[in-house]
Amino acid sequence: MVLFEQSRDDIKILITANISRSGDLQIKGIDTGPLVKKLKGDWDYEYALTVRKAQKQLLIRHLQDHQQTVKDDEDLLKWLKKRFSHNESYSAIMTYLKQANILFESFFWE
């Protein structure tokens, strides 16, 4: 599911969320273009975070405890889309997970 997408002359940004075959929540992003080259020294910048299946279930329970109607993976993806469909969504999701004490793995490729 696409959380955020932007295409300008100087930058293209794509941030997606999905559930892997093993049940993990994956958030992936890629920024490309001349602005990325200027800021990062390379044409593209990739980043990803993974919430393993057991932690994802804790996240769903956390959301339920905070009055969110999230029952399953599909609801979780919809909730992410509704709440985090902006340019800072990757960072905002990491912040939310930290505040909720949900463990995740992150990756940055520069």
PDB file of N, CA and C in Angstrom:
ATOM      1  N   MET A   1       0.846  -1.167   0.000  1.00  0.00           N
ATOM      2  CA  MET A   1       0.000   0.000   0.000  1.00  0.00           C
ATOM      3  C   MET A   1       0.899   1.240   0.000  1.00  0.00           C
ATOM      4  N   VAL A   2       0.597   2.185  -0.852  1.00  0.00           N
ATOM      5  CA  VAL A   2       1.363   3.428  -0.911  1.00  0.00           C
ATOM      6  C   VAL A   2       0.895   4.340   0.222  1.00  0.00           C
ATOM      7  N   LEU A   3       1.838   4.748   1.071  1.00  0.00           N
ATOM      8  CA  LEU A   3       1.530   5.707   2.131  1.00  0.00           C
ATOM      9  C   LEU A   3       1.718   7.129   1.631  1.00  0.00           C
ATOM     10  N   PHE A   4       2.780   7.335   0.858  1.00  0.00           N
ATOM     11  CA  PHE A   4       3.068   8.675   0.343  1.00  0.00           C
ATOM     12  C   PHE A   4       3.838   8.553  -0.961  1.00  0.00           C
ATOM     13  N   GLU A   5       3.469   9.411  -1.903  1.00  0.00           N
ATOM     14  CA  GLU A   5       4.174   9.452  -3.183  1.00  0.00           C
ATOM     15  C   GLU A   5       4.197  10.891  -3.661  1.00  0.00           C
ATOM     16  N   GLN A   6       5.377  11.315  -4.095  1.00  0.00           N
ATOM     17  CA  GLN A   6       5.521  12.666  -4.621  1.00  0.00           C
ATOM     18  C   GLN A   6       6.513  12.630  -5.773  1.00  0.00           C
ATOM     19  N   SER A   7       6.208  13.377  -6.810  1.00  0.00           N
ATOM     20  CA  SER A   7       7.110  13.440  -7.949  1.00  0.00           C
ATOM     21  C   SER A   7       7.244  14.898  -8.382  1.00  0.00           C
ATOM     22  N   ARG A   8       8.465  15.399  -8.240  1.00  0.00           N
ATOM     23  CA  ARG A   8       8.798  16.750  -8.694  1.00  0.00           C
ATOM     24  C   ARG A   8      10.020  16.647  -9.592  1.00  0.00           C
ATOM     25  N   ASP A   9      10.386  17.736 -10.232  1.00  0.00           N
ATOM     26  CA  ASP A   9      11.561  17.723 -11.091  1.00  0.00           C
ATOM     27  C   ASP A   9      12.828  17.373 -10.320  1.00  0.00           C
ATOM     28  N   ASP A  10      12.920  17.813  -9.056  1.00  0.00           N
ATOM     29  CA  ASP A  10      14.154  17.621  -8.295  1.00  0.00           C
ATOM     30  C   ASP A  10      14.157  16.375  -7.402  1.00  0.00           C
ATOM     31  N   ILE A  11      12.980  15.771  -7.164  1.00  0.00           N
ATOM     32  CA  ILE A  11      12.930  14.608  -6.273  1.00  0.00           C
ATOM     33  C   ILE A  11      11.668  13.782  -6.522  1.00  0.00           C
ATOM     34  N   LYS A  12      11.842  12.483  -6.369  1.00  0.00           N
ATOM     35  CA  LYS A  12      10.715  11.552  -6.375  1.00  0.00           C
ATOM     36  C   LYS A  12      10.789  10.787  -5.059  1.00  0.00           C
ATOM     37  N   ILE A  13       9.649  10.675  -4.372  1.00  0.00           N
ATOM     38  CA  ILE A  13       9.588   9.995  -3.075  1.00  0.00           C
ATOM     39  C   ILE A  13       8.480   8.956  -3.126  1.00  0.00           C
ATOM     40  N   LEU A  14       8.778   7.764  -2.654  1.00  0.00           N
ATOM     41  CA  LEU A  14       7.771   6.706  -2.555  1.00  0.00           C
ATOM     42  C   LEU A  14       7.955   5.993  -1.220  1.00  0.00           C
ATOM     43  N   ILE A  15       6.890   5.961  -0.410  1.00  0.00           N
ATOM     44  CA  ILE A  15       6.900   5.257   0.871  1.00  0.00           C
ATOM     45  C   ILE A  15       5.722   4.295   0.872  1.00  0.00           C
ATOM     46  N   THR A  16       6.006   3.020   1.123  1.00  0.00           N
ATOM     47  CA  THR A  16       4.971   1.989   1.077  1.00  0.00           C
ATOM     48  C   THR A  16       4.930   1.192   2.380  1.00  0.00           C
ATOM     49  N   ALA A  17       3.798   0.528   2.596  1.00  0.00           N
ATOM     50  CA  ALA A  17       3.633  -0.386   3.732  1.00  0.00           C
ATOM     51  C   ALA A  17       3.044  -1.679   3.200  1.00  0.00           C
ATOM     52  N   ASN A  18       3.519  -2.802   3.736  1.00  0.00           N
ATOM     53  CA  ASN A  18       2.943  -4.090   3.355  1.00  0.00           C
ATOM     54  C   ASN A  18       3.185  -5.096   4.470  1.00  0.00           C
ATOM     55  N   ILE A  19       2.502  -6.212   4.376  1.00  0.00           N
ATOM     56  CA  ILE A  19       2.707  -7.338   5.276  1.00  0.00           C
ATOM     57  C   ILE A  19       3.417  -8.419   4.465  1.00  0.00           C
ATOM     58  N   SER A  20       4.563  -8.869   4.962  1.00  0.00           N
ATOM     59  CA  SER A  20       5.338  -9.885   4.247  1.00  0.00           C
ATOM     60  C   SER A  20       4.660 -11.254   4.356  1.00  0.00           C
ATOM     61  N   ARG A  21       5.157 -12.202   3.581  1.00  0.00           N
ATOM     62  CA  ARG A  21       4.615 -13.568   3.633  1.00  0.00           C
ATOM     63  C   ARG A  21       4.756 -14.187   5.018  1.00  0.00           C
ATOM     64  N   SER A  22       5.772 -13.762   5.756  1.00  0.00           N
ATOM     65  CA  SER A  22       5.977 -14.305   7.111  1.00  0.00           C
ATOM     66  C   SER A  22       5.191 -13.532   8.172  1.00  0.00           C
ATOM     67  N   GLY A  23       4.413 -12.531   7.737  1.00  0.00           N
ATOM     68  CA  GLY A  23       3.549 -11.805   8.656  1.00  0.00           C
ATOM     69  C   GLY A  23       4.151 -10.557   9.261  1.00  0.00           C
ATOM     70  N   ASP A  24       5.346 -10.161   8.808  1.00  0.00           N
ATOM     71  CA  ASP A  24       5.988  -8.958   9.315  1.00  0.00           C
ATOM     72  C   ASP A  24       5.398  -7.720   8.641  1.00  0.00           C
ATOM     73  N   LEU A  25       5.361  -6.617   9.382  1.00  0.00           N
ATOM     74  CA  LEU A  25       4.998  -5.323   8.813  1.00  0.00           C
ATOM     75  C   LEU A  25       6.264  -4.699   8.252  1.00  0.00           C
ATOM     76  N   GLN A  26       6.211  -4.269   6.990  1.00  0.00           N
ATOM     77  CA  GLN A  26       7.359  -3.643   6.345  1.00  0.00           C
ATOM     78  C   GLN A  26       6.970  -2.255   5.853  1.00  0.00           C
ATOM     79  N   ILE A  27       7.794  -1.282   6.187  1.00  0.00           N
ATOM     80  CA  ILE A  27       7.652   0.077   5.676  1.00  0.00           C
ATOM     81  C   ILE A  27       8.910   0.337   4.863  1.00  0.00           C
ATOM     82  N   LYS A  28       8.744   0.699   3.600  1.00  0.00           N
ATOM     83  CA  LYS A  28       9.896   0.912   2.719  1.00  0.00           C
ATOM     84  C   LYS A  28       9.765   2.263   2.033  1.00  0.00           C
ATOM     85  N   GLY A  29      10.910   2.886   1.831  1.00  0.00           N
ATOM     86  CA  GLY A  29      10.907   4.158   1.129  1.00  0.00           C
ATOM     87  C   GLY A  29      12.106   4.301   0.228  1.00  0.00           C
ATOM     88  N   ILE A  30      11.931   5.111  -0.791  1.00  0.00           N
ATOM     89  CA  ILE A  30      13.043   5.454  -1.682  1.00  0.00           C
ATOM     90  C   ILE A  30      12.839   6.890  -2.157  1.00  0.00           C
ATOM     91  N   ASP A  31      13.912   7.654  -2.075  1.00  0.00           N
ATOM     92  CA  ASP A  31      13.945   9.022  -2.592  1.00  0.00           C
ATOM     93  C   ASP A  31      14.973   9.025  -3.709  1.00  0.00           C
ATOM     94  N   THR A  32      14.643   9.610  -4.830  1.00  0.00           N
ATOM     95  CA  THR A  32      15.565   9.678  -5.963  1.00  0.00           C
ATOM     96  C   THR A  32      15.534  11.070  -6.584  1.00  0.00           C
ATOM     97  N   GLY A  33      16.601  11.402  -7.295  1.00  0.00           N
ATOM     98  CA  GLY A  33      16.612  12.642  -8.055  1.00  0.00           C
ATOM     99  C   GLY A  33      17.767  13.563  -7.723  1.00  0.00           C
ATOM    100  N   PRO A  34      17.851  14.681  -8.432  1.00  0.00           N
ATOM    101  CA  PRO A  34      18.957  15.621  -8.252  1.00  0.00           C
ATOM    102  C   PRO A  34      19.078  16.169  -6.825  1.00  0.00           C
ATOM    103  N   LEU A  35      17.970  16.422  -6.154  1.00  0.00           N
ATOM    104  CA  LEU A  35      18.031  16.934  -4.781  1.00  0.00           C
ATOM    105  C   LEU A  35      18.650  15.899  -3.845  1.00  0.00           C
ATOM    106  N   VAL A  36      18.326  14.627  -4.044  1.00  0.00           N
ATOM    107  CA  VAL A  36      18.902  13.554  -3.234  1.00  0.00           C
ATOM    108  C   VAL A  36      20.412  13.484  -3.478  1.00  0.00           C
ATOM    109  N   LYS A  37      20.815  13.600  -4.746  1.00  0.00           N
ATOM    110  CA  LYS A  37      22.250  13.591  -5.084  1.00  0.00           C
ATOM    111  C   LYS A  37      22.967  14.736  -4.382  1.00  0.00           C
ATOM    112  N   LYS A  38      22.356  15.905  -4.373  1.00  0.00           N
ATOM    113  CA  LYS A  38      22.953  17.077  -3.731  1.00  0.00           C
ATOM    114  C   LYS A  38      23.064  16.876  -2.214  1.00  0.00           C
ATOM    115  N   LEU A  39      22.024  16.323  -1.593  1.00  0.00           N
ATOM    116  CA  LEU A  39      21.995  16.173  -0.134  1.00  0.00           C
ATOM    117  C   LEU A  39      22.747  14.943   0.369  1.00  0.00           C
ATOM    118  N   LYS A  40      22.674  13.847  -0.379  1.00  0.00           N
ATOM    119  CA  LYS A  40      23.226  12.575   0.096  1.00  0.00           C
ATOM    120  C   LYS A  40      24.456  12.104  -0.675  1.00  0.00           C
ATOM    121  N   GLY A  41      24.752  12.739  -1.823  1.00  0.00           N
ATOM    122  CA  GLY A  41      25.919  12.347  -2.588  1.00  0.00           C
ATOM    123  C   GLY A  41      25.673  11.209  -3.566  1.00  0.00           C
ATOM    124  N   ASP A  42      24.466  10.686  -3.594  1.00  0.00           N
ATOM    125  CA  ASP A  42      24.114   9.618  -4.525  1.00  0.00           C
ATOM    126  C   ASP A  42      22.720   9.916  -5.068  1.00  0.00           C
ATOM    127  N   TRP A  43      22.394   9.303  -6.176  1.00  0.00           N
ATOM    128  CA  TRP A  43      21.141   9.573  -6.874  1.00  0.00           C
ATOM    129  C   TRP A  43      19.909   9.067  -6.119  1.00  0.00           C
ATOM    130  N   ASP A  44      20.104   8.019  -5.281  1.00  0.00           N
ATOM    131  CA  ASP A  44      18.952   7.492  -4.556  1.00  0.00           C
ATOM    132  C   ASP A  44      19.296   7.214  -3.094  1.00  0.00           C
ATOM    133  N   TYR A  45      18.267   7.170  -2.292  1.00  0.00           N
ATOM    134  CA  TYR A  45      18.378   6.940  -0.858  1.00  0.00           C
ATOM    135  C   TYR A  45      17.236   6.005  -0.480  1.00  0.00           C
ATOM    136  N   GLU A  46      17.587   4.817   0.026  1.00  0.00           N
ATOM    137  CA  GLU A  46      16.576   3.821   0.382  1.00  0.00           C
ATOM    138  C   GLU A  46      16.563   3.619   1.891  1.00  0.00           C
ATOM    139  N   TYR A  47      15.378   3.333   2.422  1.00  0.00           N
ATOM    140  CA  TYR A  47      15.218   3.118   3.849  1.00  0.00           C
ATOM    141  C   TYR A  47      14.064   2.152   4.070  1.00  0.00           C
ATOM    142  N   ALA A  48      14.161   1.402   5.152  1.00  0.00           N
ATOM    143  CA  ALA A  48      13.122   0.407   5.430  1.00  0.00           C
ATOM    144  C   ALA A  48      13.092   0.128   6.928  1.00  0.00           C
ATOM    145  N   LEU A  49      11.924  -0.261   7.390  1.00  0.00           N
ATOM    146  CA  LEU A  49      11.818  -0.765   8.747  1.00  0.00           C
ATOM    147  C   LEU A  49      10.916  -1.986   8.737  1.00  0.00           C
ATOM    148  N   THR A  50      11.215  -2.897   9.650  1.00  0.00           N
ATOM    149  CA  THR A  50      10.453  -4.132   9.762  1.00  0.00           C
ATOM    150  C   THR A  50      10.008  -4.311  11.201  1.00  0.00           C
ATOM    151  N   VAL A  51       8.721  -4.570  11.360  1.00  0.00           N
ATOM    152  CA  VAL A  51       8.159  -4.942  12.657  1.00  0.00           C
ATOM    153  C   VAL A  51       7.818  -6.424  12.535  1.00  0.00           C
ATOM    154  N   ARG A  52       8.560  -7.256  13.255  1.00  0.00           N
ATOM    155  CA  ARG A  52       8.330  -8.696  13.186  1.00  0.00           C
ATOM    156  C   ARG A  52       6.914  -9.047  13.640  1.00  0.00           C
ATOM    157  N   LYS A  53       6.438 -10.180  13.183  1.00  0.00           N
ATOM    158  CA  LYS A  53       5.051 -10.599  13.372  1.00  0.00           C
ATOM    159  C   LYS A  53       4.591 -10.494  14.832  1.00  0.00           C
ATOM    160  N   ALA A  54       5.366 -10.993  15.770  1.00  0.00           N
ATOM    161  CA  ALA A  54       4.958 -10.958  17.181  1.00  0.00           C
ATOM    162  C   ALA A  54       4.825  -9.515  17.677  1.00  0.00           C
ATOM    163  N   GLN A  55       5.743  -8.656  17.275  1.00  0.00           N
ATOM    164  CA  GLN A  55       5.672  -7.247  17.663  1.00  0.00           C
ATOM    165  C   GLN A  55       4.519  -6.541  16.951  1.00  0.00           C
ATOM    166  N   LYS A  56       4.242  -6.969  15.731  1.00  0.00           N
ATOM    167  CA  LYS A  56       3.102  -6.392  14.992  1.00  0.00           C
ATOM    168  C   LYS A  56       1.804  -6.687  15.734  1.00  0.00           C
ATOM    169  N   GLN A  57       1.694  -7.898  16.279  1.00  0.00           N
ATOM    170  CA  GLN A  57       0.491  -8.247  17.055  1.00  0.00           C
ATOM    171  C   GLN A  57       0.395  -7.372  18.302  1.00  0.00           C
ATOM    172  N   LEU A  58       1.543  -7.081  18.932  1.00  0.00           N
ATOM    173  CA  LEU A  58       1.539  -6.167  20.080  1.00  0.00           C
ATOM    174  C   LEU A  58       1.099  -4.764  19.653  1.00  0.00           C
ATOM    175  N   LEU A  59       1.523  -4.341  18.469  1.00  0.00           N
ATOM    176  CA  LEU A  59       1.107  -3.043  17.939  1.00  0.00           C
ATOM    177  C   LEU A  59      -0.401  -3.001  17.742  1.00  0.00           C
ATOM    178  N   ILE A  60      -0.958  -4.054  17.173  1.00  0.00           N
ATOM    179  CA  ILE A  60      -2.412  -4.102  16.967  1.00  0.00           C
ATOM    180  C   ILE A  60      -3.129  -4.022  18.312  1.00  0.00           C
ATOM    181  N   ARG A  61      -2.643  -4.762  19.305  1.00  0.00           N
ATOM    182  CA  ARG A  61      -3.254  -4.698  20.645  1.00  0.00           C
ATOM    183  C   ARG A  61      -3.111  -3.308  21.250  1.00  0.00           C
ATOM    184  N   HIS A  62      -1.963  -2.698  21.060  1.00  0.00           N
ATOM    185  CA  HIS A  62      -1.742  -1.333  21.550  1.00  0.00           C
ATOM    186  C   HIS A  62      -2.767  -0.375  20.932  1.00  0.00           C
ATOM    187  N   LEU A  63      -2.975  -0.487  19.633  1.00  0.00           N
ATOM    188  CA  LEU A  63      -3.938   0.373  18.953  1.00  0.00           C
ATOM    189  C   LEU A  63      -5.350   0.130  19.479  1.00  0.00           C
ATOM    190  N   GLN A  64      -5.705  -1.124  19.693  1.00  0.00           N
ATOM    191  CA  GLN A  64      -7.018  -1.452  20.244  1.00  0.00           C
ATOM    192  C   GLN A  64      -7.180  -0.841  21.632  1.00  0.00           C
ATOM    193  N   ASP A  65      -6.125  -0.906  22.438  1.00  0.00           N
ATOM    194  CA  ASP A  65      -6.162  -0.328  23.780  1.00  0.00           C
ATOM    195  C   ASP A  65      -6.309   1.183  23.759  1.00  0.00           C
ATOM    196  N   HIS A  66      -5.964   1.792  22.627  1.00  0.00           N
ATOM    197  CA  HIS A  66      -6.068   3.244  22.474  1.00  0.00           C
ATOM    198  C   HIS A  66      -7.219   3.624  21.531  1.00  0.00           C
ATOM    199  N   GLN A  67      -8.259   2.818  21.571  1.00  0.00           N
ATOM    200  CA  GLN A  67      -9.533   3.107  20.907  1.00  0.00           C
ATOM    201  C   GLN A  67      -9.463   3.136  19.381  1.00  0.00           C
ATOM    202  N   GLN A  68      -8.512   2.427  18.811  1.00  0.00           N
ATOM    203  CA  GLN A  68      -8.443   2.328  17.358  1.00  0.00           C
ATOM    204  C   GLN A  68      -9.124   1.032  16.923  1.00  0.00           C
ATOM    205  N   THR A  69      -9.865   1.094  15.839  1.00  0.00           N
ATOM    206  CA  THR A  69     -10.565  -0.100  15.346  1.00  0.00           C
ATOM    207  C   THR A  69      -9.666  -0.859  14.375  1.00  0.00           C
ATOM    208  N   VAL A  70      -8.626  -1.448  14.922  1.00  0.00           N
ATOM    209  CA  VAL A  70      -7.672  -2.225  14.147  1.00  0.00           C
ATOM    210  C   VAL A  70      -7.739  -3.654  14.657  1.00  0.00           C
ATOM    211  N   LYS A  71      -8.250  -4.553  13.793  1.00  0.00           N
ATOM    212  CA  LYS A  71      -8.432  -5.950  14.198  1.00  0.00           C
ATOM    213  C   LYS A  71      -7.433  -6.905  13.558  1.00  0.00           C
ATOM    214  N   ASP A  72      -6.898  -6.513  12.394  1.00  0.00           N
ATOM    215  CA  ASP A  72      -6.058  -7.436  11.636  1.00  0.00           C
ATOM    216  C   ASP A  72      -5.083  -6.664  10.751  1.00  0.00           C
ATOM    217  N   ASP A  73      -4.339  -7.393   9.936  1.00  0.00           N
ATOM    218  CA  ASP A  73      -3.328  -6.776   9.077  1.00  0.00           C
ATOM    219  C   ASP A  73      -3.931  -5.742   8.122  1.00  0.00           C
ATOM    220  N   GLU A  74      -5.049  -6.067   7.533  1.00  0.00           N
ATOM    221  CA  GLU A  74      -5.688  -5.140   6.588  1.00  0.00           C
ATOM    222  C   GLU A  74      -6.073  -3.835   7.287  1.00  0.00           C
ATOM    223  N   ASP A  75      -6.659  -3.955   8.475  1.00  0.00           N
ATOM    224  CA  ASP A  75      -6.999  -2.759   9.244  1.00  0.00           C
ATOM    225  C   ASP A  75      -5.761  -1.953   9.607  1.00  0.00           C
ATOM    226  N   LEU A  76      -4.677  -2.661   9.949  1.00  0.00           N
ATOM    227  CA  LEU A  76      -3.428  -1.987  10.304  1.00  0.00           C
ATOM    228  C   LEU A  76      -2.901  -1.170   9.128  1.00  0.00           C
ATOM    229  N   LEU A  77      -2.903  -1.746   7.942  1.00  0.00           N
ATOM    230  CA  LEU A  77      -2.437  -1.019   6.756  1.00  0.00           C
ATOM    231  C   LEU A  77      -3.321   0.193   6.480  1.00  0.00           C
ATOM    232  N   LYS A  78      -4.626   0.035   6.635  1.00  0.00           N
ATOM    233  CA  LYS A  78      -5.544   1.167   6.433  1.00  0.00           C
ATOM    234  C   LYS A  78      -5.287   2.267   7.457  1.00  0.00           C
ATOM    235  N   TRP A  79      -5.043   1.860   8.723  1.00  0.00           N
ATOM    236  CA  TRP A  79      -4.764   2.834   9.776  1.00  0.00           C
ATOM    237  C   TRP A  79      -3.475   3.595   9.465  1.00  0.00           C
ATOM    238  N   LEU A  80      -2.443   2.878   9.017  1.00  0.00           N
ATOM    239  CA  LEU A  80      -1.188   3.527   8.649  1.00  0.00           C
ATOM    240  C   LEU A  80      -1.402   4.526   7.518  1.00  0.00           C
ATOM    241  N   LYS A  81      -2.165   4.133   6.516  1.00  0.00           N
ATOM    242  CA  LYS A  81      -2.445   5.014   5.369  1.00  0.00           C
ATOM    243  C   LYS A  81      -3.174   6.280   5.834  1.00  0.00           C
ATOM    244  N   LYS A  82      -4.145   6.100   6.711  1.00  0.00           N
ATOM    245  CA  LYS A  82      -4.934   7.244   7.186  1.00  0.00           C
ATOM    246  C   LYS A  82      -4.083   8.191   8.037  1.00  0.00           C
ATOM    247  N   ARG A  83      -3.243   7.641   8.878  1.00  0.00           N
ATOM    248  CA  ARG A  83      -2.492   8.455   9.829  1.00  0.00           C
ATOM    249  C   ARG A  83      -1.153   8.958   9.291  1.00  0.00           C
ATOM    250  N   PHE A  84      -0.533   8.208   8.392  1.00  0.00           N
ATOM    251  CA  PHE A  84       0.833   8.509   7.981  1.00  0.00           C
ATOM    252  C   PHE A  84       0.979   8.673   6.466  1.00  0.00           C
ATOM    253  N   SER A  85       0.106   9.394   5.845  1.00  0.00           N
ATOM    254  CA  SER A  85       0.212   9.606   4.393  1.00  0.00           C
ATOM    255  C   SER A  85       0.778  11.002   4.109  1.00  0.00           C
ATOM    256  N   HIS A  86       2.025  11.214   4.562  1.00  0.00           N
ATOM    257  CA  HIS A  86       2.702  12.490   4.350  1.00  0.00           C
ATOM    258  C   HIS A  86       4.200  12.237   4.176  1.00  0.00           C
ATOM    259  N   ASN A  87       4.922  13.270   3.795  1.00  0.00           N
ATOM    260  CA  ASN A  87       6.335  13.146   3.477  1.00  0.00           C
ATOM    261  C   ASN A  87       7.175  12.642   4.649  1.00  0.00           C
ATOM    262  N   GLU A  88       6.788  12.928   5.846  1.00  0.00           N
ATOM    263  CA  GLU A  88       7.556  12.516   7.030  1.00  0.00           C
ATOM    264  C   GLU A  88       7.029  11.208   7.621  1.00  0.00           C
ATOM    265  N   SER A  89       6.275  10.448   6.845  1.00  0.00           N
ATOM    266  CA  SER A  89       5.612   9.255   7.388  1.00  0.00           C
ATOM    267  C   SER A  89       6.602   8.231   7.944  1.00  0.00           C
ATOM    268  N   TYR A  90       7.720   8.004   7.282  1.00  0.00           N
ATOM    269  CA  TYR A  90       8.681   7.008   7.763  1.00  0.00           C
ATOM    270  C   TYR A  90       9.175   7.381   9.158  1.00  0.00           C
ATOM    271  N   SER A  91       9.621   8.608   9.319  1.00  0.00           N
ATOM    272  CA  SER A  91      10.113   9.072  10.625  1.00  0.00           C
ATOM    273  C   SER A  91       9.004   9.077  11.662  1.00  0.00           C
ATOM    274  N   ALA A  92       7.817   9.484  11.254  1.00  0.00           N
ATOM    275  CA  ALA A  92       6.688   9.536  12.184  1.00  0.00           C
ATOM    276  C   ALA A  92       6.285   8.137  12.652  1.00  0.00           C
ATOM    277  N   ILE A  93       6.352   7.152  11.777  1.00  0.00           N
ATOM    278  CA  ILE A  93       6.043   5.768  12.156  1.00  0.00           C
ATOM    279  C   ILE A  93       7.093   5.262  13.143  1.00  0.00           C
ATOM    280  N   MET A  94       8.369   5.543  12.886  1.00  0.00           N
ATOM    281  CA  MET A  94       9.421   5.130  13.821  1.00  0.00           C
ATOM    282  C   MET A  94       9.194   5.757  15.195  1.00  0.00           C
ATOM    283  N   THR A  95       8.851   7.021  15.222  1.00  0.00           N
ATOM    284  CA  THR A  95       8.584   7.705  16.493  1.00  0.00           C
ATOM    285  C   THR A  95       7.404   7.063  17.208  1.00  0.00           C
ATOM    286  N   TYR A  96       6.345   6.782  16.462  1.00  0.00           N
ATOM    287  CA  TYR A  96       5.161   6.155  17.067  1.00  0.00           C
ATOM    288  C   TYR A  96       5.516   4.790  17.659  1.00  0.00           C
ATOM    289  N   LEU A  97       6.255   3.993  16.914  1.00  0.00           N
ATOM    290  CA  LEU A  97       6.630   2.662  17.390  1.00  0.00           C
ATOM    291  C   LEU A  97       7.481   2.748  18.661  1.00  0.00           C
ATOM    292  N   LYS A  98       8.417   3.684  18.693  1.00  0.00           N
ATOM    293  CA  LYS A  98       9.244   3.869  19.886  1.00  0.00           C
ATOM    294  C   LYS A  98       8.382   4.257  21.089  1.00  0.00           C
ATOM    295  N   GLN A  99       7.462   5.180  20.886  1.00  0.00           N
ATOM    296  CA  GLN A  99       6.594   5.624  21.986  1.00  0.00           C
ATOM    297  C   GLN A  99       5.697   4.504  22.486  1.00  0.00           C
ATOM    298  N   ALA A 100       5.319   3.594  21.584  1.00  0.00           N
ATOM    299  CA  ALA A 100       4.455   2.466  21.956  1.00  0.00           C
ATOM    300  C   ALA A 100       5.266   1.258  22.442  1.00  0.00           C
ATOM    301  N   ASN A 101       6.594   1.408  22.513  1.00  0.00           N
ATOM    302  CA  ASN A 101       7.489   0.324  22.929  1.00  0.00           C
ATOM    303  C   ASN A 101       7.376  -0.916  22.044  1.00  0.00           C
ATOM    304  N   ILE A 102       7.221  -0.686  20.739  1.00  0.00           N
ATOM    305  CA  ILE A 102       7.175  -1.753  19.746  1.00  0.00           C
ATOM    306  C   ILE A 102       8.564  -1.863  19.118  1.00  0.00           C
ATOM    307  N   LEU A 103       9.141  -3.051  19.170  1.00  0.00           N
ATOM    308  CA  LEU A 103      10.475  -3.261  18.615  1.00  0.00           C
ATOM    309  C   LEU A 103      10.414  -3.345  17.090  1.00  0.00           C
ATOM    310  N   PHE A 104      11.422  -2.787  16.455  1.00  0.00           N
ATOM    311  CA  PHE A 104      11.517  -2.846  14.994  1.00  0.00           C
ATOM    312  C   PHE A 104      12.975  -2.795  14.586  1.00  0.00           C
ATOM    313  N   GLU A 105      13.220  -3.191  13.359  1.00  0.00           N
ATOM    314  CA  GLU A 105      14.556  -3.127  12.762  1.00  0.00           C
ATOM    315  C   GLU A 105      14.506  -2.081  11.656  1.00  0.00           C
ATOM    316  N   SER A 106      15.553  -1.259  11.571  1.00  0.00           N
ATOM    317  CA  SER A 106      15.572  -0.252  10.512  1.00  0.00           C
ATOM    318  C   SER A 106      16.837  -0.399   9.674  1.00  0.00           C
ATOM    319  N   PHE A 107      16.745   0.093   8.449  1.00  0.00           N
ATOM    320  CA  PHE A 107      17.806  -0.040   7.464  1.00  0.00           C
ATOM    321  C   PHE A 107      17.842   1.230   6.618  1.00  0.00           C
ATOM    322  N   PHE A 108      19.046   1.744   6.389  1.00  0.00           N
ATOM    323  CA  PHE A 108      19.220   2.892   5.514  1.00  0.00           C
ATOM    324  C   PHE A 108      20.321   2.564   4.515  1.00  0.00           C
ATOM    325  N   TRP A 109      20.056   2.797   3.258  1.00  0.00           N
ATOM    326  CA  TRP A 109      21.044   2.558   2.216  1.00  0.00           C
ATOM    327  C   TRP A 109      21.342   3.883   1.535  1.00  0.00           C
ATOM    328  N   GLU A 110      22.549   4.367   1.770  1.00  0.00           N
ATOM    329  CA  GLU A 110      22.925   5.663   1.183  1.00  0.00           C
ATOM    330  C   GLU A 110      23.978   5.454   0.136  1.00  0.00           C
TER     331      GLU A 110
END
